[in-house]
N, C-alpha and C. Protein backbone atom coordinates (compact mmCIF):
# COMPACT_ATOMS: atom_id res chain seq x y z
N MET A 1 0.84 -1.17 0.00
CA MET A 1 0.00 0.00 0.00
C MET A 1 0.89 1.23 0.00
N THR A 2 0.55 2.20 -0.82
CA THR A 2 1.28 3.45 -0.84
C THR A 2 0.30 4.58 -0.63
N SER A 3 0.77 5.66 -0.05
CA SER A 3 -0.09 6.82 0.14
C SER A 3 0.77 8.07 0.18
N THR A 4 0.11 9.19 0.02
CA THR A 4 0.78 10.48 0.17
C THR A 4 0.04 11.24 1.25
N LEU A 5 0.73 12.15 1.90
CA LEU A 5 0.11 12.92 2.96
C LEU A 5 -0.70 14.09 2.43
N ALA A 6 -0.36 14.60 1.27
CA ALA A 6 -1.05 15.76 0.73
C ALA A 6 -2.36 15.33 0.05
N TYR A 7 -3.32 16.22 0.05
CA TYR A 7 -4.57 15.99 -0.68
C TYR A 7 -4.30 16.28 -2.14
N PRO A 8 -4.80 15.51 -3.08
CA PRO A 8 -5.61 14.33 -2.88
C PRO A 8 -4.77 13.09 -2.60
N VAL A 9 -5.34 12.19 -1.84
CA VAL A 9 -4.67 10.97 -1.42
C VAL A 9 -5.03 9.84 -2.38
N THR A 10 -4.04 8.99 -2.69
CA THR A 10 -4.27 7.79 -3.49
C THR A 10 -3.63 6.62 -2.76
N LEU A 11 -4.37 5.51 -2.68
CA LEU A 11 -3.87 4.27 -2.10
C LEU A 11 -3.92 3.20 -3.17
N SER A 12 -2.96 2.29 -3.15
CA SER A 12 -2.96 1.14 -4.05
C SER A 12 -2.83 -0.11 -3.21
N VAL A 13 -3.71 -1.08 -3.47
CA VAL A 13 -3.69 -2.32 -2.70
C VAL A 13 -4.32 -3.44 -3.52
N ASP A 14 -3.62 -4.56 -3.62
CA ASP A 14 -4.17 -5.77 -4.24
C ASP A 14 -4.85 -5.51 -5.58
N GLY A 15 -4.22 -4.73 -6.44
CA GLY A 15 -4.77 -4.46 -7.76
C GLY A 15 -5.82 -3.38 -7.81
N LEU A 16 -6.17 -2.81 -6.67
CA LEU A 16 -7.16 -1.74 -6.62
C LEU A 16 -6.47 -0.40 -6.42
N THR A 17 -7.07 0.63 -6.97
CA THR A 17 -6.62 2.00 -6.72
C THR A 17 -7.76 2.73 -6.03
N LEU A 18 -7.44 3.37 -4.93
CA LEU A 18 -8.39 4.17 -4.18
C LEU A 18 -7.91 5.60 -4.24
N ARG A 19 -8.80 6.50 -4.61
CA ARG A 19 -8.39 7.90 -4.66
C ARG A 19 -9.53 8.81 -4.21
N ALA A 20 -9.14 9.95 -3.69
CA ALA A 20 -10.12 10.93 -3.26
C ALA A 20 -10.92 11.42 -4.48
N PRO A 21 -12.20 11.72 -4.29
CA PRO A 21 -13.02 12.17 -5.42
C PRO A 21 -12.65 13.57 -5.88
N ALA A 22 -12.98 13.84 -7.13
CA ALA A 22 -12.74 15.14 -7.75
C ALA A 22 -14.00 15.51 -8.54
N PRO A 23 -14.15 16.78 -8.91
CA PRO A 23 -15.36 17.19 -9.63
C PRO A 23 -15.66 16.36 -10.88
N GLN A 24 -14.64 15.88 -11.57
CA GLN A 24 -14.86 15.10 -12.78
C GLN A 24 -15.42 13.70 -12.50
N ASP A 25 -15.58 13.33 -11.22
CA ASP A 25 -16.12 12.03 -10.85
C ASP A 25 -17.64 12.02 -10.73
N LEU A 26 -18.29 13.11 -11.10
CA LEU A 26 -19.74 13.16 -10.98
C LEU A 26 -20.40 11.99 -11.70
N MET A 27 -19.87 11.60 -12.86
CA MET A 27 -20.47 10.49 -13.61
C MET A 27 -20.49 9.20 -12.80
N HIS A 28 -19.45 8.97 -11.98
CA HIS A 28 -19.42 7.76 -11.15
C HIS A 28 -20.51 7.80 -10.08
N TYR A 29 -20.71 8.95 -9.48
CA TYR A 29 -21.76 9.09 -8.48
C TYR A 29 -23.13 8.92 -9.13
N VAL A 30 -23.33 9.53 -10.28
CA VAL A 30 -24.60 9.39 -11.01
C VAL A 30 -24.85 7.92 -11.34
N ASP A 31 -23.83 7.23 -11.83
CA ASP A 31 -23.96 5.81 -12.17
C ASP A 31 -24.36 4.99 -10.94
N PHE A 32 -23.71 5.26 -9.81
CA PHE A 32 -24.03 4.50 -8.60
C PHE A 32 -25.47 4.73 -8.17
N TYR A 33 -25.87 5.97 -8.04
CA TYR A 33 -27.22 6.25 -7.55
C TYR A 33 -28.30 5.85 -8.53
N ALA A 34 -27.95 5.69 -9.80
CA ALA A 34 -28.93 5.23 -10.79
C ALA A 34 -29.25 3.74 -10.63
N VAL A 35 -28.30 2.96 -10.10
CA VAL A 35 -28.50 1.50 -10.02
C VAL A 35 -28.50 0.96 -8.60
N SER A 36 -28.18 1.78 -7.62
CA SER A 36 -28.03 1.27 -6.27
C SER A 36 -29.36 0.84 -5.68
N ASP A 37 -29.32 -0.32 -5.05
CA ASP A 37 -30.48 -0.82 -4.32
C ASP A 37 -30.19 -0.84 -2.82
N VAL A 38 -29.08 -0.23 -2.41
CA VAL A 38 -28.71 -0.24 -1.00
C VAL A 38 -28.90 1.15 -0.41
N GLN A 39 -28.98 1.17 0.89
CA GLN A 39 -29.14 2.43 1.60
C GLN A 39 -27.77 3.04 1.83
N VAL A 40 -27.61 4.30 1.44
CA VAL A 40 -26.37 5.03 1.66
C VAL A 40 -26.75 6.36 2.30
N GLY A 41 -26.14 6.63 3.44
CA GLY A 41 -26.41 7.90 4.11
C GLY A 41 -27.86 8.08 4.50
N GLY A 42 -28.54 6.99 4.81
CA GLY A 42 -29.93 7.08 5.23
C GLY A 42 -30.94 7.04 4.10
N TYR A 43 -30.46 6.99 2.86
CA TYR A 43 -31.35 7.01 1.70
C TYR A 43 -31.02 5.87 0.76
N ARG A 44 -32.02 5.44 0.04
CA ARG A 44 -31.80 4.45 -1.02
C ARG A 44 -31.51 5.18 -2.31
N GLY A 45 -31.15 4.43 -3.37
CA GLY A 45 -30.86 5.02 -4.69
C GLY A 45 -32.02 5.86 -5.20
N GLY A 46 -31.90 6.38 -6.39
CA GLY A 46 -32.96 7.18 -6.97
C GLY A 46 -32.88 8.65 -6.60
N ARG A 47 -31.71 9.18 -6.42
CA ARG A 47 -31.53 10.59 -6.09
C ARG A 47 -31.61 11.45 -7.35
N SER A 48 -32.00 12.69 -7.17
CA SER A 48 -32.03 13.64 -8.29
C SER A 48 -30.61 14.02 -8.66
N ALA A 49 -30.45 14.61 -9.85
CA ALA A 49 -29.13 15.04 -10.31
C ALA A 49 -28.53 16.06 -9.35
N ASP A 50 -29.35 16.96 -8.83
CA ASP A 50 -28.85 17.96 -7.88
C ASP A 50 -28.41 17.32 -6.57
N GLU A 51 -29.17 16.34 -6.09
CA GLU A 51 -28.79 15.65 -4.85
C GLU A 51 -27.46 14.92 -5.03
N VAL A 52 -27.28 14.25 -6.16
CA VAL A 52 -26.04 13.52 -6.41
C VAL A 52 -24.87 14.49 -6.50
N ALA A 53 -25.05 15.61 -7.18
CA ALA A 53 -23.98 16.61 -7.26
C ALA A 53 -23.64 17.15 -5.88
N ASP A 54 -24.64 17.33 -5.03
CA ASP A 54 -24.40 17.79 -3.66
C ASP A 54 -23.61 16.76 -2.85
N ILE A 55 -23.89 15.48 -3.06
CA ILE A 55 -23.15 14.43 -2.35
C ILE A 55 -21.68 14.48 -2.75
N LEU A 56 -21.40 14.61 -4.04
CA LEU A 56 -20.01 14.70 -4.49
C LEU A 56 -19.34 15.95 -3.89
N ARG A 57 -20.02 17.08 -3.94
CA ARG A 57 -19.44 18.31 -3.36
C ARG A 57 -19.16 18.13 -1.87
N ARG A 58 -20.08 17.47 -1.16
CA ARG A 58 -19.90 17.22 0.27
C ARG A 58 -18.68 16.32 0.50
N ASP A 59 -18.53 15.26 -0.33
CA ASP A 59 -17.39 14.36 -0.17
C ASP A 59 -16.06 15.07 -0.43
N ILE A 60 -16.03 15.93 -1.43
CA ILE A 60 -14.81 16.70 -1.72
C ILE A 60 -14.51 17.66 -0.57
N ALA A 61 -15.53 18.36 -0.09
CA ALA A 61 -15.35 19.32 1.01
C ALA A 61 -14.89 18.61 2.28
N HIS A 62 -15.38 17.40 2.51
CA HIS A 62 -14.96 16.64 3.69
C HIS A 62 -13.45 16.45 3.66
N TRP A 63 -12.91 16.06 2.51
CA TRP A 63 -11.46 15.89 2.37
C TRP A 63 -10.74 17.21 2.63
N GLN A 64 -11.24 18.28 2.04
CA GLN A 64 -10.56 19.57 2.18
C GLN A 64 -10.59 20.06 3.63
N ASP A 65 -11.71 19.83 4.32
CA ASP A 65 -11.86 20.31 5.69
C ASP A 65 -11.17 19.43 6.72
N LYS A 66 -11.24 18.09 6.51
CA LYS A 66 -10.80 17.16 7.54
C LYS A 66 -9.56 16.34 7.17
N ARG A 67 -9.17 16.41 5.90
CA ARG A 67 -7.99 15.69 5.39
C ARG A 67 -8.18 14.18 5.37
N PHE A 68 -9.40 13.72 5.41
CA PHE A 68 -9.76 12.32 5.19
C PHE A 68 -11.18 12.30 4.66
N GLY A 69 -11.58 11.17 4.09
CA GLY A 69 -12.93 11.08 3.56
C GLY A 69 -13.13 9.83 2.73
N MET A 70 -14.08 9.90 1.81
CA MET A 70 -14.39 8.78 0.93
C MET A 70 -13.33 8.67 -0.16
N PHE A 71 -13.00 7.43 -0.49
CA PHE A 71 -12.15 7.12 -1.64
C PHE A 71 -13.04 6.49 -2.70
N LEU A 72 -12.79 6.79 -3.95
CA LEU A 72 -13.40 6.03 -5.04
C LEU A 72 -12.49 4.86 -5.33
N VAL A 73 -13.09 3.71 -5.62
CA VAL A 73 -12.34 2.46 -5.80
C VAL A 73 -12.40 2.06 -7.26
N PHE A 74 -11.22 1.78 -7.84
CA PHE A 74 -11.10 1.37 -9.23
C PHE A 74 -10.30 0.09 -9.32
N ASP A 75 -10.69 -0.76 -10.25
CA ASP A 75 -9.92 -1.93 -10.65
C ASP A 75 -9.51 -1.63 -12.08
N GLY A 76 -8.26 -1.21 -12.27
CA GLY A 76 -7.86 -0.66 -13.57
C GLY A 76 -8.63 0.63 -13.79
N ASN A 77 -9.33 0.73 -14.92
CA ASN A 77 -10.16 1.90 -15.19
C ASN A 77 -11.61 1.68 -14.78
N ALA A 78 -11.94 0.49 -14.33
CA ALA A 78 -13.33 0.17 -13.99
C ALA A 78 -13.68 0.70 -12.60
N PHE A 79 -14.74 1.47 -12.52
CA PHE A 79 -15.22 2.03 -11.27
C PHE A 79 -15.97 0.97 -10.49
N MET A 80 -15.55 0.73 -9.24
CA MET A 80 -16.13 -0.32 -8.41
C MET A 80 -17.08 0.24 -7.35
N GLY A 81 -16.80 1.44 -6.85
CA GLY A 81 -17.62 2.03 -5.78
C GLY A 81 -16.78 2.95 -4.93
N GLY A 82 -17.10 2.99 -3.64
CA GLY A 82 -16.37 3.87 -2.74
C GLY A 82 -16.23 3.25 -1.36
N THR A 83 -15.18 3.63 -0.68
CA THR A 83 -14.98 3.29 0.73
C THR A 83 -14.17 4.41 1.34
N GLY A 84 -14.33 4.62 2.61
CA GLY A 84 -13.56 5.68 3.23
C GLY A 84 -14.00 5.95 4.64
N LEU A 85 -13.56 7.08 5.14
CA LEU A 85 -13.81 7.50 6.50
C LEU A 85 -14.66 8.76 6.47
N ALA A 86 -15.79 8.70 7.13
CA ALA A 86 -16.69 9.85 7.16
C ALA A 86 -16.89 10.28 8.61
N HIS A 87 -17.00 11.59 8.79
CA HIS A 87 -17.34 12.13 10.11
C HIS A 87 -18.15 13.40 9.90
N PRO A 88 -19.46 13.23 9.65
CA PRO A 88 -20.30 14.43 9.53
C PRO A 88 -20.22 15.27 10.80
N ASP A 89 -20.30 16.57 10.63
CA ASP A 89 -20.13 17.48 11.77
C ASP A 89 -21.13 17.24 12.89
N ASP A 90 -22.31 16.76 12.57
CA ASP A 90 -23.33 16.60 13.60
C ASP A 90 -23.37 15.19 14.20
N TRP A 91 -22.37 14.34 13.86
CA TRP A 91 -22.33 12.97 14.38
C TRP A 91 -21.25 12.86 15.44
N PRO A 92 -21.44 11.95 16.41
CA PRO A 92 -20.51 11.88 17.53
C PRO A 92 -19.17 11.21 17.22
N CYS A 93 -19.08 10.46 16.11
CA CYS A 93 -17.83 9.75 15.83
C CYS A 93 -17.68 9.55 14.32
N HIS A 94 -16.47 9.22 13.94
CA HIS A 94 -16.21 8.90 12.53
C HIS A 94 -16.67 7.47 12.26
N GLU A 95 -16.70 7.11 10.99
CA GLU A 95 -16.99 5.72 10.64
C GLU A 95 -16.32 5.34 9.33
N LEU A 96 -15.92 4.07 9.26
CA LEU A 96 -15.53 3.48 8.00
C LEU A 96 -16.84 3.17 7.28
N THR A 97 -16.94 3.57 6.04
CA THR A 97 -18.16 3.33 5.28
C THR A 97 -17.79 2.89 3.87
N TRP A 98 -18.73 2.31 3.17
CA TRP A 98 -18.46 1.80 1.83
C TRP A 98 -19.76 1.68 1.06
N TRP A 99 -19.65 1.71 -0.25
CA TRP A 99 -20.75 1.45 -1.16
C TRP A 99 -20.16 0.94 -2.46
N LEU A 100 -20.80 -0.07 -3.03
CA LEU A 100 -20.28 -0.69 -4.25
C LEU A 100 -21.33 -0.74 -5.34
N MET A 101 -20.86 -0.66 -6.56
CA MET A 101 -21.73 -0.90 -7.70
C MET A 101 -22.24 -2.34 -7.58
N PRO A 102 -23.49 -2.61 -7.96
CA PRO A 102 -24.02 -3.97 -7.82
C PRO A 102 -23.13 -5.04 -8.46
N ALA A 103 -22.56 -4.78 -9.61
CA ALA A 103 -21.72 -5.77 -10.29
C ALA A 103 -20.39 -6.01 -9.58
N SER A 104 -20.03 -5.15 -8.64
CA SER A 104 -18.76 -5.27 -7.91
C SER A 104 -18.90 -6.02 -6.60
N ARG A 105 -20.10 -6.33 -6.21
CA ARG A 105 -20.34 -6.97 -4.91
C ARG A 105 -19.98 -8.46 -4.97
N GLY A 106 -19.60 -8.99 -3.81
CA GLY A 106 -19.33 -10.42 -3.70
C GLY A 106 -17.98 -10.84 -4.25
N LYS A 107 -17.10 -9.89 -4.50
CA LYS A 107 -15.79 -10.18 -5.07
C LYS A 107 -14.64 -9.84 -4.13
N GLY A 108 -14.96 -9.48 -2.90
CA GLY A 108 -13.93 -9.14 -1.93
C GLY A 108 -13.41 -7.72 -2.05
N ILE A 109 -14.01 -6.91 -2.92
CA ILE A 109 -13.51 -5.55 -3.14
C ILE A 109 -13.69 -4.69 -1.89
N ALA A 110 -14.87 -4.75 -1.27
CA ALA A 110 -15.10 -3.94 -0.07
C ALA A 110 -14.13 -4.33 1.04
N THR A 111 -13.86 -5.62 1.17
CA THR A 111 -12.94 -6.09 2.21
C THR A 111 -11.53 -5.58 1.94
N ARG A 112 -11.03 -5.77 0.72
CA ARG A 112 -9.66 -5.33 0.40
C ARG A 112 -9.52 -3.81 0.53
N ALA A 113 -10.46 -3.08 -0.03
CA ALA A 113 -10.38 -1.62 0.00
C ALA A 113 -10.51 -1.11 1.44
N SER A 114 -11.42 -1.69 2.20
CA SER A 114 -11.61 -1.26 3.60
C SER A 114 -10.38 -1.52 4.44
N ARG A 115 -9.74 -2.66 4.23
CA ARG A 115 -8.50 -2.94 4.97
C ARG A 115 -7.44 -1.88 4.67
N ALA A 116 -7.34 -1.47 3.43
CA ALA A 116 -6.36 -0.44 3.07
C ALA A 116 -6.68 0.87 3.78
N VAL A 117 -7.95 1.23 3.84
CA VAL A 117 -8.35 2.48 4.49
C VAL A 117 -8.12 2.39 6.00
N ILE A 118 -8.44 1.26 6.59
CA ILE A 118 -8.21 1.08 8.03
C ILE A 118 -6.72 1.26 8.35
N ASN A 119 -5.86 0.60 7.60
CA ASN A 119 -4.42 0.72 7.85
C ASN A 119 -3.95 2.15 7.64
N TRP A 120 -4.47 2.82 6.62
CA TRP A 120 -4.12 4.22 6.35
C TRP A 120 -4.50 5.09 7.54
N ALA A 121 -5.68 4.85 8.12
CA ALA A 121 -6.12 5.64 9.27
C ALA A 121 -5.18 5.45 10.46
N TYR A 122 -4.80 4.20 10.71
CA TYR A 122 -3.88 3.94 11.82
C TYR A 122 -2.47 4.43 11.52
N ASP A 123 -1.95 4.09 10.35
CA ASP A 123 -0.53 4.32 10.05
C ASP A 123 -0.20 5.73 9.58
N VAL A 124 -1.09 6.35 8.83
CA VAL A 124 -0.81 7.68 8.27
C VAL A 124 -1.49 8.77 9.08
N LEU A 125 -2.77 8.58 9.39
CA LEU A 125 -3.48 9.60 10.16
C LEU A 125 -3.14 9.52 11.65
N GLY A 126 -2.61 8.37 12.08
CA GLY A 126 -2.23 8.21 13.48
C GLY A 126 -3.40 8.00 14.43
N TRP A 127 -4.53 7.54 13.90
CA TRP A 127 -5.69 7.31 14.75
C TRP A 127 -5.42 6.13 15.68
N ASN A 128 -6.02 6.17 16.85
CA ASN A 128 -5.93 5.02 17.76
C ASN A 128 -7.21 4.18 17.74
N ARG A 129 -8.20 4.61 16.98
CA ARG A 129 -9.47 3.87 16.84
C ARG A 129 -10.01 4.07 15.42
N VAL A 130 -10.47 3.00 14.82
CA VAL A 130 -11.25 3.08 13.58
C VAL A 130 -12.54 2.33 13.88
N GLU A 131 -13.65 2.99 13.60
CA GLU A 131 -14.96 2.43 13.93
C GLU A 131 -15.85 2.39 12.70
N THR A 132 -16.87 1.56 12.79
CA THR A 132 -17.94 1.56 11.81
C THR A 132 -19.24 1.25 12.54
N HIS A 133 -20.33 1.70 11.98
CA HIS A 133 -21.64 1.43 12.56
C HIS A 133 -22.66 1.35 11.43
N MET A 134 -23.71 0.62 11.68
CA MET A 134 -24.75 0.46 10.66
C MET A 134 -26.06 0.10 11.35
N ARG A 135 -27.13 0.22 10.59
CA ARG A 135 -28.43 -0.18 11.12
C ARG A 135 -28.42 -1.68 11.39
N ASP A 136 -29.20 -2.10 12.38
CA ASP A 136 -29.24 -3.51 12.78
C ASP A 136 -29.62 -4.43 11.62
N GLU A 137 -30.48 -3.98 10.74
CA GLU A 137 -30.96 -4.83 9.66
C GLU A 137 -29.99 -4.92 8.48
N ASN A 138 -28.89 -4.18 8.52
CA ASN A 138 -27.93 -4.19 7.42
C ASN A 138 -26.96 -5.37 7.61
N THR A 139 -27.46 -6.55 7.32
CA THR A 139 -26.69 -7.78 7.52
C THR A 139 -25.40 -7.81 6.70
N PRO A 140 -25.41 -7.42 5.41
CA PRO A 140 -24.14 -7.45 4.66
C PRO A 140 -23.06 -6.56 5.30
N ALA A 141 -23.44 -5.40 5.80
CA ALA A 141 -22.45 -4.51 6.43
C ALA A 141 -21.93 -5.12 7.73
N ARG A 142 -22.81 -5.74 8.49
CA ARG A 142 -22.37 -6.40 9.73
C ARG A 142 -21.38 -7.51 9.42
N ARG A 143 -21.67 -8.29 8.37
CA ARG A 143 -20.75 -9.37 8.00
C ARG A 143 -19.39 -8.81 7.58
N LEU A 144 -19.39 -7.70 6.83
CA LEU A 144 -18.12 -7.11 6.43
C LEU A 144 -17.35 -6.62 7.66
N ALA A 145 -18.03 -5.96 8.58
CA ALA A 145 -17.36 -5.50 9.80
C ALA A 145 -16.72 -6.68 10.53
N GLN A 146 -17.41 -7.80 10.58
CA GLN A 146 -16.87 -8.99 11.24
C GLN A 146 -15.69 -9.57 10.46
N ARG A 147 -15.77 -9.59 9.10
CA ARG A 147 -14.64 -10.07 8.29
C ARG A 147 -13.41 -9.21 8.51
N LEU A 148 -13.63 -7.93 8.78
CA LEU A 148 -12.53 -7.01 9.02
C LEU A 148 -11.98 -7.14 10.45
N GLY A 149 -12.52 -8.06 11.22
CA GLY A 149 -12.06 -8.27 12.59
C GLY A 149 -12.75 -7.38 13.60
N GLY A 150 -13.81 -6.69 13.16
CA GLY A 150 -14.52 -5.78 14.04
C GLY A 150 -15.22 -6.48 15.19
N GLN A 151 -15.15 -5.84 16.33
CA GLN A 151 -15.83 -6.31 17.54
C GLN A 151 -16.74 -5.18 18.02
N ILE A 152 -17.93 -5.55 18.50
CA ILE A 152 -18.84 -4.53 19.00
C ILE A 152 -18.22 -3.89 20.24
N ASP A 153 -18.05 -2.58 20.17
CA ASP A 153 -17.45 -1.79 21.23
C ASP A 153 -18.52 -1.19 22.15
N ARG A 154 -19.64 -0.80 21.54
CA ARG A 154 -20.71 -0.17 22.31
C ARG A 154 -21.96 -0.08 21.43
N ARG A 155 -23.05 0.24 22.05
CA ARG A 155 -24.29 0.51 21.35
C ARG A 155 -24.59 1.98 21.61
N GLN A 156 -24.92 2.73 20.55
CA GLN A 156 -25.03 4.17 20.69
C GLN A 156 -26.21 4.70 19.89
N LYS A 157 -26.89 5.68 20.45
CA LYS A 157 -27.98 6.36 19.73
C LYS A 157 -27.37 7.53 18.97
N PHE A 158 -27.70 7.61 17.67
CA PHE A 158 -27.14 8.64 16.80
C PHE A 158 -28.13 9.77 16.58
N PRO A 159 -27.67 10.90 16.05
CA PRO A 159 -28.55 12.06 15.88
C PRO A 159 -29.80 11.81 15.02
N ASP A 160 -29.78 10.76 14.20
CA ASP A 160 -30.98 10.46 13.41
C ASP A 160 -31.99 9.65 14.20
N GLY A 161 -31.70 9.41 15.49
CA GLY A 161 -32.61 8.68 16.36
C GLY A 161 -32.45 7.17 16.34
N VAL A 162 -31.55 6.66 15.50
CA VAL A 162 -31.33 5.22 15.37
C VAL A 162 -30.21 4.79 16.31
N THR A 163 -30.46 3.73 17.08
CA THR A 163 -29.43 3.15 17.95
C THR A 163 -28.72 2.05 17.16
N ARG A 164 -27.39 2.11 17.15
CA ARG A 164 -26.58 1.20 16.35
C ARG A 164 -25.48 0.57 17.20
N ASP A 165 -25.05 -0.63 16.78
CA ASP A 165 -23.82 -1.20 17.31
C ASP A 165 -22.66 -0.46 16.65
N VAL A 166 -21.66 -0.12 17.45
CA VAL A 166 -20.44 0.50 16.94
C VAL A 166 -19.35 -0.55 17.03
N PHE A 167 -18.78 -0.88 15.89
CA PHE A 167 -17.71 -1.88 15.81
C PHE A 167 -16.37 -1.17 15.85
N LEU A 168 -15.46 -1.66 16.68
CA LEU A 168 -14.08 -1.22 16.68
C LEU A 168 -13.32 -2.12 15.72
N LEU A 169 -12.63 -1.52 14.76
CA LEU A 169 -11.92 -2.26 13.72
C LEU A 169 -10.42 -2.23 13.96
N PRO A 170 -9.78 -3.39 14.04
CA PRO A 170 -8.34 -3.43 14.29
C PRO A 170 -7.55 -3.11 13.03
N ARG A 171 -6.29 -2.79 13.22
CA ARG A 171 -5.36 -2.66 12.09
C ARG A 171 -5.40 -3.98 11.34
N ALA A 172 -5.50 -3.92 10.04
CA ALA A 172 -5.61 -5.12 9.22
C ALA A 172 -4.23 -5.73 8.98
N ALA A 173 -4.18 -7.04 8.98
CA ALA A 173 -2.93 -7.75 8.66
C ALA A 173 -2.56 -7.48 7.22
N SER A 174 -1.29 -7.30 6.97
CA SER A 174 -0.83 -7.02 5.60
C SER A 174 -0.77 -8.28 4.77
């Protein structure tokens, strides 16, 4: 895995390239929200063009303001989805989060990309904790957290009124 400290950040791991989003990535966000059947950020797919553009702007601003955020995941030139670290200003903690194009699921991409981001958070950002949380009914996300070695650290009520398990994620083995 390689990384740079300056924005934008790029990571390379197991044939995947992860990079911070840029304005020219709007097409990838549009493609994802056009086909996504999963809940992202409290909403399912089917967002308007303005909403999708706002999500991309928010992801870029997160990087600029906090120096970490979502990475877009590519296998060669093929767009696979996103994974990264989010910490909305009104939430009590950061989280490792991910979303994949439907055709990219079930191939270990979320696991490989998430491990790279977890290690980056520990090794480059110097964090002493990496966490993730999801709704109780999000079984695929819970399974991924467990594959990543996550252990339930606490149960917490979030600003959206939903109580979630918070998984503590260890540094991933190389």
